Amino acid sequence: MWRIPRQGHPTVCLYSVRSGSTGFIMKLKVSFLLRKVMLLAVFFTLAEGARAQELRLVPLGSAYGCMDYSIELRLVGAGQTVFGYQVSLSYPADSFEPVSFEGELEGWSIRRSGRFPFAPASPCEQWADGNGVDRILVSASVYPDPGVVGRTVADEAAGADVLLGRIVFRPRDGAAGGTFSATEGGCPGLLGSLVEYPTAFFDADGRTLELESQPLAAPILSAEVEDLACRPVDGARAELSWSPPGAAASVETVQVSRDGAPPVFLPVDSGSYLDEPGPGLHRYEITSLFADGRESCISSCEVEIVIEGEEVLFIRGDSDSNDRVNLSDAIQILRYLYQAAGIECRDAADVNDSGRIELADAIYLLNFVFQSGTGIPLPYPAAGADPTPDGLGCRPSA
């Protein structure tokens, strides 16, 4: 039975009955124990609250080449009303370029800095050179910027999980990715600088309450089809083959384009496509399509269709197909090699008849035009068929 004395310290008494007799009585004074329990409860509650106050970096999907990569900034477990915040985010600048910050809290005054195109100068500007690791500073408040006419104080934010906004990045070509972090607040590139910008939020009294944050690893994945190949089949047709992108399981469709013709849409796991493009050199481009409309980087290949038994006449050296051999033909070869320009008849651009189009062909032609160099192999100067057939080919004139 329980007995509570009328005065003095609360005491708990336990009576034990054994073999019909009253056993020993244990009395425990519990006032001290109660106080310890209460203090421990408060301590663990505060500790749990401290651990829960954090800025979470939440990616909206994986990072892929040629697609924007968005990171949500979420204030979790603030435990009180929020009147402002500041985020100091380091990012791998050699892999990502910041594009924009989209604030989520209506009416809040936002200041951005760092490498944003529209942003003011950053206190860390010398540490924002686009190489290595750079930093973005974003701060916002319910109070309007000084000097802004007609702006009123916005509503404060509260809740266990508050979406502050999202930062949009663009992956750099060929980059591998890296780690984002909101835990370092200084500007390491400014030697001797004492200025720090910790990631924190502000309460009603203007106190700065620093936030914990876990780093976010963001490797840049490839969504392009793999093992793309183009080859001629059955004389007049072109066959494309590929494997689905291994790092983008959510891709279901690919878009196949050829020489600017209307695209064809196919299931990504179909793995092949047959086309009848006609004779000549053709370039095919394949793009992976996500369900939300995002598009991967382009994969491409070329195939030349040569109709057997068809004799194509051309003038060697006439790479721009205007029936004359002069300086413009050498320039056309250089544009083909270094600017991806098209050539209607690749055999004509093989000036030295080596079976390949290379810089030596442009030099050979310049020597011929300006220094009376070695003569151009047949067919020259009159149009004719290739006496040394190779894999270059030449489609008929229209």
Protein backbone atom coordinates (compact mmCIF):
# COMPACT_ATOMS: atom_id res chain seq x y z
CA MET A 1 0.00 0.00 0.00
CA TRP A 2 1.01 3.65 -0.58
CA ARG A 3 1.17 6.12 2.29
CA ILE A 4 1.77 9.86 1.85
CA PRO A 5 2.78 11.68 5.11
CA ARG A 6 0.95 14.86 5.92
CA GLN A 7 4.11 16.89 6.31
CA GLY A 8 7.79 16.65 5.63
CA HIS A 9 9.28 15.03 2.53
CA PRO A 10 7.09 12.79 0.43
CA THR A 11 7.89 9.20 1.30
CA VAL A 12 7.02 6.00 -0.49
CA CYS A 13 6.55 2.97 1.76
CA LEU A 14 6.29 -0.57 0.49
CA TYR A 15 4.83 -3.24 2.81
CA SER A 16 5.64 -6.83 2.04
CA VAL A 17 3.64 -9.64 3.61
CA ARG A 18 5.52 -12.90 3.91
CA SER A 19 4.26 -16.10 5.67
CA GLY A 20 1.56 -14.14 7.43
CA SER A 21 4.00 -11.70 8.97
CA THR A 22 5.01 -8.22 8.00
CA GLY A 23 8.41 -8.15 6.34
CA PHE A 24 10.88 -5.34 6.28
CA ILE A 25 9.76 -1.88 5.33
CA MET A 26 11.75 0.04 2.74
CA LYS A 27 11.38 3.78 2.83
CA LEU A 28 12.77 5.93 0.02
CA LYS A 29 12.87 9.66 0.08
CA VAL A 30 11.98 10.69 -3.45
CA SER A 31 12.05 14.46 -3.48
CA PHE A 32 15.67 14.49 -4.57
CA LEU A 33 15.05 11.75 -7.12
CA LEU A 34 12.07 13.61 -8.52
CA ARG A 35 14.14 16.73 -8.95
CA LYS A 36 16.86 14.75 -10.78
CA VAL A 37 14.31 13.16 -13.06
CA MET A 38 12.81 16.54 -13.92
CA LEU A 39 16.22 18.07 -14.61
CA LEU A 40 17.20 15.14 -16.80
CA ALA A 41 13.92 15.42 -18.71
CA VAL A 42 14.53 19.12 -19.35
CA PHE A 43 18.13 18.43 -20.39
CA PHE A 44 17.20 15.73 -22.88
CA THR A 45 14.36 17.84 -24.24
CA LEU A 46 16.70 20.77 -24.88
CA ALA A 47 19.36 18.50 -26.32
CA GLU A 48 16.85 16.90 -28.63
CA GLY A 49 15.62 20.34 -29.73
CA ALA A 50 19.18 21.48 -30.38
CA ARG A 51 19.88 18.45 -32.50
CA ALA A 52 16.64 18.94 -34.41
CA GLN A 53 17.37 22.56 -35.41
CA GLU A 54 18.99 22.21 -38.79
CA LEU A 55 19.09 23.42 -42.35
CA ARG A 56 18.41 20.49 -44.66
CA LEU A 57 19.70 20.46 -48.21
CA VAL A 58 17.08 18.48 -50.13
CA PRO A 59 17.86 17.71 -53.80
CA LEU A 60 14.97 17.61 -56.26
CA GLY A 61 16.21 14.50 -58.03
CA SER A 62 19.69 13.47 -59.13
CA ALA A 63 22.14 15.71 -60.97
CA TYR A 64 22.45 15.00 -64.71
CA GLY A 65 24.49 16.67 -67.41
CA CYS A 66 22.67 19.35 -69.49
CA MET A 67 19.86 19.63 -66.88
CA ASP A 68 19.31 22.14 -64.09
CA TYR A 69 19.85 20.77 -60.59
CA SER A 70 17.70 22.23 -57.77
CA ILE A 71 18.34 22.06 -54.02
CA GLU A 72 15.62 22.96 -51.51
CA LEU A 73 16.62 24.81 -48.33
CA ARG A 74 14.47 23.55 -45.45
CA LEU A 75 14.52 24.85 -41.87
CA VAL A 76 13.64 21.87 -39.67
CA GLY A 77 12.82 21.90 -35.97
CA ALA A 78 13.27 25.63 -35.32
CA GLY A 79 10.91 25.34 -32.33
CA GLN A 80 9.95 29.02 -32.50
CA THR A 81 8.83 31.76 -34.84
CA VAL A 82 11.33 32.69 -37.55
CA PHE A 83 11.80 36.33 -38.54
CA GLY A 84 14.84 35.89 -40.81
CA TYR A 85 17.55 33.53 -41.94
CA GLN A 86 20.93 33.43 -43.61
CA VAL A 87 22.46 30.54 -45.53
CA SER A 88 26.16 30.23 -46.29
CA LEU A 89 26.46 27.47 -48.88
CA SER A 90 29.72 26.22 -50.35
CA TYR A 91 29.52 24.34 -53.64
CA PRO A 92 31.90 22.64 -56.13
CA ALA A 93 32.34 25.48 -58.61
CA ASP A 94 34.30 23.38 -61.07
CA SER A 95 31.23 21.12 -61.46
CA PHE A 96 28.22 23.43 -60.93
CA GLU A 97 27.31 27.00 -61.86
CA PRO A 98 24.66 28.80 -59.75
CA VAL A 99 21.74 30.08 -61.80
CA SER A 100 19.11 31.49 -59.43
CA PHE A 101 17.57 31.47 -55.96
CA GLU A 102 13.79 31.15 -55.72
CA GLY A 103 12.46 32.30 -52.35
CA GLU A 104 9.39 30.54 -51.01
CA LEU A 105 8.29 32.85 -48.16
CA GLU A 106 5.89 35.46 -49.54
CA GLY A 107 6.85 39.09 -49.05
CA TRP A 108 10.25 38.39 -47.47
CA SER A 109 13.11 40.67 -48.44
CA ILE A 110 15.85 38.53 -50.03
CA ARG A 111 19.48 39.36 -50.58
CA ARG A 112 21.65 37.09 -52.67
CA SER A 113 25.37 37.13 -53.28
CA GLY A 114 28.10 35.07 -54.84
CA ARG A 115 28.22 34.04 -58.49
CA PHE A 116 24.58 34.80 -59.34
CA PRO A 117 24.42 36.89 -62.54
CA PHE A 118 21.96 39.37 -60.98
CA ALA A 119 23.48 39.54 -57.49
CA PRO A 120 25.37 42.33 -55.74
CA ALA A 121 29.00 41.87 -54.84
CA SER A 122 29.67 39.23 -52.20
CA PRO A 123 31.84 39.64 -49.10
CA CYS A 124 33.39 36.40 -50.39
CA GLU A 125 33.77 37.73 -53.95
CA GLN A 126 37.48 36.94 -54.04
CA TRP A 127 36.57 33.39 -53.14
CA ALA A 128 34.05 33.09 -55.96
CA ASP A 129 36.23 32.60 -59.02
CA GLY A 130 34.48 29.58 -60.56
CA ASN A 131 37.28 27.21 -59.60
CA GLY A 132 37.52 24.67 -56.81
CA VAL A 133 35.01 25.47 -54.06
CA ASP A 134 33.02 28.73 -54.08
CA ARG A 135 30.36 30.12 -51.76
CA ILE A 136 26.84 31.53 -52.03
CA LEU A 137 25.34 33.79 -49.36
CA VAL A 138 21.55 34.11 -49.17
CA SER A 139 19.75 36.07 -46.45
CA ALA A 140 16.10 37.02 -46.02
CA SER A 141 13.95 38.86 -43.49
CA VAL A 142 10.34 39.80 -42.83
CA TYR A 143 11.46 43.44 -42.81
CA PRO A 144 11.70 45.38 -46.10
CA ASP A 145 15.02 46.69 -47.37
CA PRO A 146 15.83 50.24 -46.26
CA GLY A 147 14.59 52.84 -48.71
CA VAL A 148 12.00 50.58 -50.34
CA VAL A 149 8.77 52.55 -50.59
CA GLY A 150 5.44 50.82 -50.09
CA ARG A 151 6.83 47.61 -48.66
CA THR A 152 5.33 46.31 -45.43
CA VAL A 153 6.57 43.82 -42.88
CA ALA A 154 5.84 40.29 -44.08
CA ASP A 155 4.40 37.47 -42.00
CA GLU A 156 6.89 35.49 -39.97
CA ALA A 157 7.36 31.77 -40.54
CA ALA A 158 6.71 28.93 -38.13
CA GLY A 159 6.47 25.17 -38.24
CA ALA A 160 8.45 22.00 -37.84
CA ASP A 161 9.51 22.02 -41.51
CA VAL A 162 9.71 25.39 -43.31
CA LEU A 163 10.66 25.58 -46.99
CA LEU A 164 12.84 28.68 -47.34
CA GLY A 165 13.44 28.40 -51.08
CA ARG A 166 15.52 26.57 -53.64
CA ILE A 167 18.82 27.23 -55.36
CA VAL A 168 19.13 26.20 -59.01
CA PHE A 169 22.50 25.07 -60.38
CA ARG A 170 23.62 24.09 -63.87
CA PRO A 171 26.14 21.24 -64.17
CA ARG A 172 29.26 22.02 -66.17
CA ASP A 173 30.07 19.96 -69.27
CA GLY A 174 32.07 16.85 -68.46
CA ALA A 175 32.17 17.56 -64.71
CA ALA A 176 32.02 14.82 -62.07
CA GLY A 177 30.09 16.63 -59.33
CA GLY A 178 30.98 17.24 -55.69
CA THR A 179 29.71 18.17 -52.24
CA PHE A 180 27.50 21.06 -51.05
CA SER A 181 27.85 22.24 -47.44
CA ALA A 182 26.19 24.88 -45.27
CA THR A 183 28.34 24.38 -42.17
CA GLU A 184 31.26 26.70 -42.93
CA GLY A 185 30.58 30.39 -42.56
CA GLY A 186 33.85 32.15 -43.29
CA CYS A 187 35.55 33.28 -46.49
CA PRO A 188 38.76 31.19 -46.55
CA GLY A 189 40.09 33.03 -49.57
CA LEU A 190 40.26 36.34 -47.64
CA LEU A 191 43.36 35.94 -45.50
CA GLY A 192 43.03 37.65 -42.15
CA SER A 193 39.31 38.31 -42.56
CA LEU A 194 37.30 38.04 -39.33
CA VAL A 195 33.94 38.25 -41.07
CA GLU A 196 31.82 35.15 -40.73
CA TYR A 197 28.41 34.31 -42.13
CA PRO A 198 27.13 31.23 -40.31
CA THR A 199 24.02 29.44 -41.48
CA ALA A 200 21.40 30.56 -38.94
CA PHE A 201 17.91 31.89 -38.32
CA PHE A 202 16.71 34.88 -36.29
CA ASP A 203 13.98 34.89 -33.67
CA ALA A 204 11.63 37.67 -32.53
CA ASP A 205 14.36 39.20 -30.35
CA GLY A 206 16.84 39.33 -33.23
CA ARG A 207 19.02 36.60 -31.78
CA THR A 208 21.16 34.62 -34.22
CA LEU A 209 20.60 30.90 -33.69
CA GLU A 210 23.08 28.83 -35.66
CA LEU A 211 21.87 25.72 -37.44
CA GLU A 212 23.39 22.34 -37.95
CA SER A 213 23.47 20.93 -41.47
CA GLN A 214 24.58 17.76 -43.17
CA PRO A 215 26.63 17.99 -46.39
CA LEU A 216 25.02 16.90 -49.65
CA ALA A 217 26.99 14.75 -52.10
CA ALA A 218 25.91 15.34 -55.71
CA PRO A 219 27.67 13.27 -58.37
CA ILE A 220 26.75 14.28 -61.92
CA LEU A 221 25.24 11.29 -63.68
CA SER A 222 24.81 10.61 -67.37
CA ALA A 223 21.34 10.18 -68.88
CA GLU A 224 22.55 9.67 -72.44
CA VAL A 225 22.09 6.35 -74.19
CA GLU A 226 25.16 4.14 -74.12
CA ASP A 227 27.09 2.30 -76.84
CA LEU A 228 25.47 4.30 -79.66
CA ALA A 229 26.47 3.06 -83.11
CA CYS A 230 25.36 3.81 -86.70
CA ARG A 231 26.02 1.55 -89.68
CA PRO A 232 24.71 1.06 -93.21
CA VAL A 233 22.68 -2.09 -93.85
CA ASP A 234 21.11 -3.56 -96.99
CA GLY A 235 22.72 -0.92 -99.16
CA ALA A 236 20.24 1.95 -98.72
CA ARG A 237 19.31 1.81 -95.03
CA ALA A 238 20.94 3.03 -91.82
CA GLU A 239 20.73 1.11 -88.54
CA LEU A 240 21.17 2.74 -85.14
CA SER A 241 21.77 0.67 -82.02
CA TRP A 242 22.18 1.68 -78.37
CA SER A 243 21.81 0.58 -74.75
CA PRO A 244 19.57 2.39 -72.20
CA PRO A 245 21.37 4.82 -69.87
CA GLY A 246 22.58 2.88 -66.86
CA ALA A 247 22.37 5.81 -64.42
CA ALA A 248 18.89 7.06 -65.37
CA ALA A 249 16.34 4.30 -64.86
CA SER A 250 13.46 6.82 -65.08
CA VAL A 251 14.14 7.51 -68.78
CA GLU A 252 11.46 5.80 -70.85
CA THR A 253 11.67 7.52 -74.26
CA VAL A 254 14.35 8.65 -76.69
CA GLN A 255 14.11 11.21 -79.48
CA VAL A 256 15.94 10.34 -82.71
CA SER A 257 16.71 13.16 -85.17
CA ARG A 258 18.46 13.05 -88.54
CA ASP A 259 19.78 16.03 -90.52
CA GLY A 260 17.07 18.37 -89.21
CA ALA A 261 14.19 16.07 -90.26
CA PRO A 262 11.18 15.71 -87.90
CA PRO A 263 12.21 13.58 -84.90
CA VAL A 264 11.08 10.05 -84.16
CA PHE A 265 10.15 8.99 -80.61
CA LEU A 266 10.92 5.44 -79.48
CA PRO A 267 10.97 3.45 -76.21
CA VAL A 268 14.46 3.68 -74.74
CA ASP A 269 14.68 -0.09 -74.36
CA SER A 270 13.89 -0.69 -78.03
CA GLY A 271 17.64 -0.46 -78.56
CA SER A 272 17.61 0.03 -82.35
CA TYR A 273 16.15 2.03 -85.22
CA LEU A 274 16.13 1.46 -89.00
CA ASP A 275 15.97 4.42 -91.36
CA GLU A 276 16.15 5.03 -95.13
CA PRO A 277 17.84 8.43 -95.39
CA GLY A 278 19.00 8.21 -99.00
CA PRO A 279 22.58 8.30 -100.28
CA GLY A 280 25.15 10.52 -98.62
CA LEU A 281 26.57 11.30 -95.17
CA HIS A 282 23.97 11.56 -92.39
CA ARG A 283 24.20 12.64 -88.76
CA TYR A 284 21.87 11.12 -86.18
CA GLU A 285 21.24 12.63 -82.75
CA ILE A 286 19.56 10.81 -79.83
CA THR A 287 18.21 12.56 -76.72
CA SER A 288 16.87 10.82 -73.61
CA LEU A 289 13.54 12.23 -72.39
CA PHE A 290 12.34 12.21 -68.76
CA ALA A 291 8.65 12.09 -67.89
CA ASP A 292 8.81 15.64 -66.48
CA GLY A 293 10.05 17.04 -69.80
CA ARG A 294 13.77 17.23 -69.01
CA GLU A 295 16.18 16.29 -71.79
CA SER A 296 19.60 14.71 -71.56
CA CYS A 297 22.72 15.77 -73.41
CA ILE A 298 22.77 14.73 -77.07
CA SER A 299 24.50 11.58 -78.29
CA SER A 300 25.35 11.47 -81.99
CA CYS A 301 26.85 9.30 -84.72
CA GLU A 302 27.33 9.51 -88.47
CA VAL A 303 26.72 7.02 -91.25
CA GLU A 304 27.27 7.24 -94.98
CA ILE A 305 24.94 5.50 -97.40
CA VAL A 306 26.47 4.60 -100.75
CA ILE A 307 24.22 3.08 -103.42
CA GLU A 308 26.11 0.25 -105.08
CA GLY A 309 26.45 0.50 -108.83
CA GLU A 310 25.83 4.24 -108.82
CA GLU A 311 28.76 6.20 -110.21
CA VAL A 312 29.09 9.61 -108.56
CA LEU A 313 31.13 12.26 -110.34
CA PHE A 314 33.04 14.94 -108.44
CA ILE A 315 36.07 17.23 -108.67
CA ARG A 316 38.74 16.46 -106.09
CA GLY A 317 39.48 19.56 -104.06
CA ASP A 318 36.04 21.11 -104.69
CA SER A 319 34.97 20.67 -101.05
CA ASP A 320 32.26 23.36 -101.21
CA SER A 321 30.73 21.81 -104.39
CA ASN A 322 30.72 24.96 -106.54
CA ASP A 323 32.63 23.36 -109.47
CA ARG A 324 35.77 25.42 -108.74
CA VAL A 325 38.91 24.71 -106.68
CA ASN A 326 40.25 27.74 -104.81
CA LEU A 327 40.90 29.20 -101.33
CA SER A 328 37.28 28.78 -100.18
CA ASP A 329 37.65 25.00 -100.49
CA ALA A 330 40.56 24.97 -98.01
CA ILE A 331 38.51 27.11 -95.63
CA GLN A 332 35.57 24.69 -95.96
CA ILE A 333 37.83 21.77 -95.00
CA LEU A 334 39.03 23.66 -91.90
CA ARG A 335 35.43 24.46 -90.94
CA TYR A 336 34.54 20.78 -91.33
CA LEU A 337 37.44 19.74 -89.09
CA TYR A 338 37.13 22.38 -86.36
CA GLN A 339 33.61 23.83 -86.51
CA ALA A 340 31.51 20.75 -87.41
CA ALA A 341 30.51 22.26 -90.76
CA GLY A 342 28.97 19.93 -93.32
CA ILE A 343 30.55 18.78 -96.59
CA GLU A 344 28.31 17.53 -99.36
CA CYS A 345 30.98 15.32 -100.95
CA ARG A 346 33.62 14.05 -98.56
CA ASP A 347 35.63 12.42 -101.37
CA ALA A 348 36.14 15.89 -102.84
CA ALA A 349 37.61 17.12 -99.54
CA ASP A 350 40.16 14.26 -99.53
CA VAL A 351 42.54 16.41 -101.56
CA ASN A 352 45.63 14.19 -101.19
CA ASP A 353 43.54 10.99 -101.73
CA SER A 354 44.65 9.42 -98.44
CA GLY A 355 41.20 8.04 -97.65
CA ARG A 356 40.82 10.49 -94.73
CA ILE A 357 39.86 14.15 -94.29
CA GLU A 358 42.47 15.88 -92.14
CA LEU A 359 44.50 19.05 -91.77
CA ALA A 360 46.96 17.78 -94.36
CA ASP A 361 44.23 18.12 -97.03
CA ALA A 362 43.78 21.86 -96.31
CA ILE A 363 47.57 22.40 -96.37
CA TYR A 364 47.89 20.39 -99.60
CA LEU A 365 45.23 22.53 -101.25
CA LEU A 366 46.77 25.83 -100.05
CA ASN A 367 50.15 24.78 -101.43
CA PHE A 368 48.52 23.94 -104.75
CA VAL A 369 46.60 27.23 -104.98
CA PHE A 370 49.33 29.65 -103.82
CA GLN A 371 52.67 27.88 -104.38
CA SER A 372 52.01 25.69 -107.43
CA GLY A 373 52.45 22.63 -105.25
CA THR A 374 51.99 19.00 -106.14
CA GLY A 375 49.09 18.45 -108.48
CA ILE A 376 45.74 17.25 -107.21
CA PRO A 377 45.03 13.54 -107.85
CA LEU A 378 42.22 12.47 -110.15
CA PRO A 379 39.45 13.26 -110.64
CA TYR A 380 40.84 16.76 -111.36
CA PRO A 381 40.40 19.17 -113.07
CA ALA A 382 37.36 17.59 -114.69
CA ALA A 383 34.67 15.79 -112.72
CA GLY A 384 34.86 12.03 -112.65
CA ALA A 385 34.45 8.90 -110.53
CA ASP A 386 36.89 8.05 -107.73
CA PRO A 387 39.62 5.83 -109.22
CA THR A 388 40.64 4.77 -105.69
CA PRO A 389 37.35 3.93 -103.87
CA ASP A 390 37.43 4.32 -100.10
CA GLY A 391 35.01 4.71 -97.24
CA LEU A 392 34.42 8.42 -97.73
CA GLY A 393 31.97 8.33 -100.63
CA CYS A 394 30.15 11.17 -102.31
CA ARG A 395 26.42 11.57 -102.69
CA PRO A 396 25.02 12.66 -106.09
CA SER A 397 24.41 16.33 -106.80
CA ALA A 398 20.78 17.39 -106.66
